Protein backbone atom coordinates (compact mmCIF):
# COMPACT_ATOMS: atom_id res chain seq x y z
CA MET A 1 -62.02 39.87 50.93
CA GLY A 2 -59.18 37.89 50.69
CA VAL A 3 -60.23 36.78 47.14
CA VAL A 4 -60.90 40.17 46.18
CA ALA A 5 -57.40 41.70 47.82
CA GLY A 6 -54.87 39.37 45.96
CA TYR A 7 -56.59 39.19 42.77
CA CYS A 8 -56.83 42.88 42.34
CA SER A 9 -54.38 45.13 42.83
CA GLY A 10 -53.67 49.17 43.20
CA SER A 11 -56.12 51.06 45.16
CA VAL A 12 -58.62 47.94 45.54
CA ASP A 13 -55.53 45.95 46.86
CA ASP A 14 -54.75 48.81 49.58
CA VAL A 15 -58.58 49.12 50.48
CA VAL A 16 -59.20 45.89 51.45
CA VAL A 17 -56.07 45.40 53.17
CA TRP A 18 -55.79 48.13 54.98
CA SER A 19 -59.79 47.33 56.64
CA ILE A 20 -58.12 43.74 57.35
CA ASN A 21 -55.38 45.86 59.32
CA THR A 22 -57.84 47.56 61.13
CA VAL A 23 -60.48 44.81 62.11
CA ALA A 24 -57.10 42.94 63.01
CA SER A 25 -55.95 45.21 64.93
CA VAL A 26 -58.79 45.28 67.67
CA PRO A 27 -58.26 43.38 70.52
CA MET A 28 -60.97 40.39 70.01
CA ILE A 29 -61.82 39.73 73.77
CA TYR A 30 -61.63 43.40 74.63
CA LEU A 31 -64.13 44.16 72.19
CA LEU A 32 -66.11 41.82 73.57
CA ILE A 33 -66.11 42.15 76.85
CA THR A 34 -66.80 45.60 76.13
CA ALA A 35 -70.14 44.79 74.10
CA ALA A 36 -71.11 42.42 76.66
CA ALA A 37 -70.89 45.18 79.59
CA ILE A 38 -72.78 47.61 76.69
CA PHE A 39 -75.18 45.23 75.32
CA GLY A 40 -75.68 42.65 78.47
CA PRO A 41 -74.50 38.79 77.82
CA SER A 42 -76.32 37.63 74.79
CA VAL A 43 -75.56 34.94 72.96
CA LEU A 44 -76.53 36.71 69.69
CA ALA A 45 -74.61 39.23 70.44
CA LEU A 46 -71.59 37.46 70.73
CA ILE A 47 -72.01 34.70 67.82
CA VAL A 48 -72.20 38.14 66.19
CA LEU A 49 -69.25 40.01 67.16
CA LEU A 50 -67.44 36.38 66.64
CA GLY A 51 -68.37 36.16 63.23
CA SER A 52 -67.62 39.80 62.35
CA LEU A 53 -64.30 39.94 63.77
CA GLY A 54 -63.15 35.49 63.14
CA TRP A 55 -62.68 36.60 59.23
CA VAL A 56 -59.70 38.48 59.32
CA ALA A 57 -56.62 35.54 59.53
CA THR A 58 -58.42 33.52 56.84
CA ALA A 59 -58.89 36.86 54.70
CA ARG A 60 -54.86 37.19 54.69
CA LEU A 61 -54.45 33.54 54.27
CA ILE A 62 -56.50 33.94 51.17
CA ARG A 63 -54.79 36.96 50.09
CA GLY A 64 -51.35 35.79 50.33
CA SER A 65 -52.25 32.37 48.30
CA VAL A 66 -54.00 34.74 45.63
CA LEU A 67 -51.31 36.52 44.81
CA ARG A 68 -49.19 33.18 44.21
CA ILE A 69 -52.13 31.83 42.18
CA ARG A 70 -52.86 34.19 40.25
CA GLU A 71 -48.68 34.54 38.71
CA GLN A 72 -49.07 30.85 37.90
CA GLY A 73 -49.12 29.64 34.57
CA TYR A 74 -52.75 28.10 34.08
CA ILE A 75 -54.16 31.79 35.08
CA GLU A 76 -52.15 32.78 32.28
CA ALA A 77 -53.07 30.40 30.26
CA ALA A 78 -57.15 31.29 30.59
CA ARG A 79 -56.51 35.08 30.46
CA ALA A 80 -54.84 34.16 27.22
CA LEU A 81 -57.92 32.34 26.41
CA GLY A 82 -60.23 35.40 26.93
CA ALA A 83 -61.86 34.34 30.01
CA SER A 84 -63.18 36.71 32.49
CA ASP A 85 -61.75 37.98 35.49
CA SER A 86 -64.64 36.67 37.40
CA ARG A 87 -64.93 32.98 35.68
CA ILE A 88 -60.71 32.92 36.39
CA ILE A 89 -61.34 33.70 40.29
CA PHE A 90 -64.58 30.94 39.88
CA ARG A 91 -62.88 28.39 38.13
CA HIS A 92 -59.61 28.51 39.10
CA VAL A 93 -58.25 30.48 41.59
CA ILE A 94 -60.98 29.83 44.40
CA PRO A 95 -61.05 26.26 43.91
CA ASN A 96 -57.28 26.09 44.74
CA CYS A 97 -57.83 28.14 47.88
CA VAL A 98 -60.32 25.50 49.54
CA ASN A 99 -57.83 23.77 51.41
CA ILE A 100 -56.47 26.96 53.06
CA ILE A 101 -59.90 27.81 53.69
CA LEU A 102 -61.55 24.19 55.55
CA VAL A 103 -57.48 24.29 57.57
CA ASN A 104 -57.83 27.89 58.78
CA THR A 105 -61.62 27.28 59.57
CA SER A 106 -61.19 24.31 61.79
CA MET A 107 -58.37 26.09 63.84
CA SER A 108 -60.75 29.19 64.08
CA VAL A 109 -63.57 27.40 65.89
CA GLY A 110 -61.00 25.77 68.44
CA SER A 111 -60.29 29.79 69.12
CA LEU A 112 -63.68 30.77 69.10
CA ILE A 113 -64.23 27.92 71.44
CA LEU A 114 -61.75 29.00 74.03
CA THR A 115 -63.13 32.32 73.62
CA GLU A 116 -66.32 31.71 73.97
CA SER A 117 -65.84 29.74 77.17
CA THR A 118 -63.35 32.47 78.62
CA LEU A 119 -66.32 34.91 78.48
CA SER A 120 -69.15 32.88 79.91
CA PHE A 121 -66.87 31.89 82.38
CA LEU A 122 -66.01 35.66 83.30
CA GLY A 123 -70.07 36.19 83.28
CA LEU A 124 -69.78 37.45 80.12
CA GLY A 125 -71.17 35.38 77.47
CA VAL A 126 -73.58 32.65 77.12
CA GLN A 127 -75.88 32.52 80.38
CA PRO A 128 -77.26 30.32 82.39
CA PRO A 129 -79.52 28.28 81.99
CA ILE A 130 -77.88 27.63 78.41
CA ALA A 131 -75.38 25.04 78.95
CA SER A 132 -71.64 26.50 78.28
CA TRP A 133 -68.33 24.71 79.24
CA GLY A 134 -67.12 28.08 80.88
CA ASN A 135 -70.68 28.30 82.62
CA MET A 136 -69.87 24.98 84.40
CA LEU A 137 -66.16 26.31 85.49
CA ASN A 138 -67.55 29.13 86.92
CA ARG A 139 -70.10 27.22 88.81
CA GLY A 140 -67.47 24.57 89.70
CA LEU A 141 -65.10 26.89 90.90
CA GLY A 142 -67.24 28.07 94.11
CA LEU A 143 -67.67 24.57 95.24
CA LEU A 144 -64.20 23.50 94.39
CA PHE A 145 -62.78 23.78 98.18
CA LEU A 146 -66.27 22.12 99.65
CA ARG A 147 -64.85 18.99 101.10
CA ASP A 148 -66.11 15.95 102.59
CA PRO A 149 -65.96 15.91 106.58
CA ALA A 150 -65.68 12.63 107.84
CA THR A 151 -62.18 11.95 104.59
CA GLY A 152 -61.16 15.95 104.22
CA ALA A 153 -61.22 14.96 100.33
CA PRO A 154 -62.28 16.86 98.22
CA THR A 155 -65.86 16.68 96.59
CA ALA A 156 -66.65 19.10 93.96
CA LEU A 157 -63.36 18.22 91.70
CA HIS A 158 -65.02 16.83 89.19
CA LEU A 159 -67.02 20.18 88.45
CA ILE A 160 -63.62 21.50 87.75
CA LEU A 161 -61.81 18.78 85.50
CA ALA A 162 -64.96 18.01 83.35
CA PRO A 163 -65.54 21.00 81.56
CA GLY A 164 -62.02 21.90 81.94
CA LEU A 165 -60.98 18.32 79.95
CA LEU A 166 -63.82 18.56 77.95
CA ILE A 167 -62.76 22.20 76.40
CA THR A 168 -58.89 20.69 76.33
CA LEU A 169 -60.02 17.41 74.37
CA THR A 170 -62.16 19.72 71.38
CA VAL A 171 -59.85 21.96 71.05
CA LEU A 172 -56.96 19.57 70.55
CA ALA A 173 -59.10 17.49 68.53
CA LEU A 174 -59.82 20.62 66.07
CA TYR A 175 -56.04 21.52 65.71
CA LEU A 176 -55.41 17.50 64.96
CA ILE A 177 -57.70 17.07 62.46
CA SER A 178 -56.72 21.13 60.53
CA ASP A 179 -53.45 19.51 60.92
CA GLY A 180 -54.44 16.25 59.13
CA LEU A 181 -56.72 18.17 56.58
CA ARG A 182 -53.19 20.38 55.68
CA ASP A 183 -51.64 17.48 55.08
CA ALA A 184 -54.26 15.61 52.98
CA LEU A 185 -55.22 18.67 50.79
CA ASP A 186 -51.49 19.81 50.40
CA PRO A 187 -50.06 18.35 47.60
CA THR A 188 -46.55 19.92 48.40
CA LEU A 189 -46.22 17.99 51.58
CA ARG A 190 -47.22 14.15 50.25
CA SER A 191 -44.07 12.21 49.92
CA VAL A 192 -43.12 10.41 46.04
CA THR A 193 -42.84 6.95 46.19
């Protein structure tokens, strides 16, 4: 959608941008909570909804990149040599957008992990016996204030700390990977020596 919107102009771009903005205007967490309330908590419904709403940020970034790429000299040269629009898109435009897709996808996965964990913590996402860090946090919360009768020390603190720490470390790792990918794939960030 982002490539089509960026490469085509006029009414095609307007329709695609309108659809992207329409989907982006719906708060994802409220839609997911509403869907879970209507259809019941389901892994399949969660996957479909997260997938159908998760493409918007990537499409916006790709559109902006394609708007810049389509004005480059090599695109003009390909047009002058008689290359079709589909050849230009698949041979020149999309390969120059792969770095944006990779970086944004790794960042989006971290965001989707947080969304799924939130829904599972609230009891609206993945349901037990299927394992989810959000479910683990929810179950550990009920045992958080258990104390050892002899010492008074908390006995179930690890039930909260372990899943919370794993969520944090996983999302942090994905963000660091996306930052490293951006540095590695963006030629403007490479130092000239």
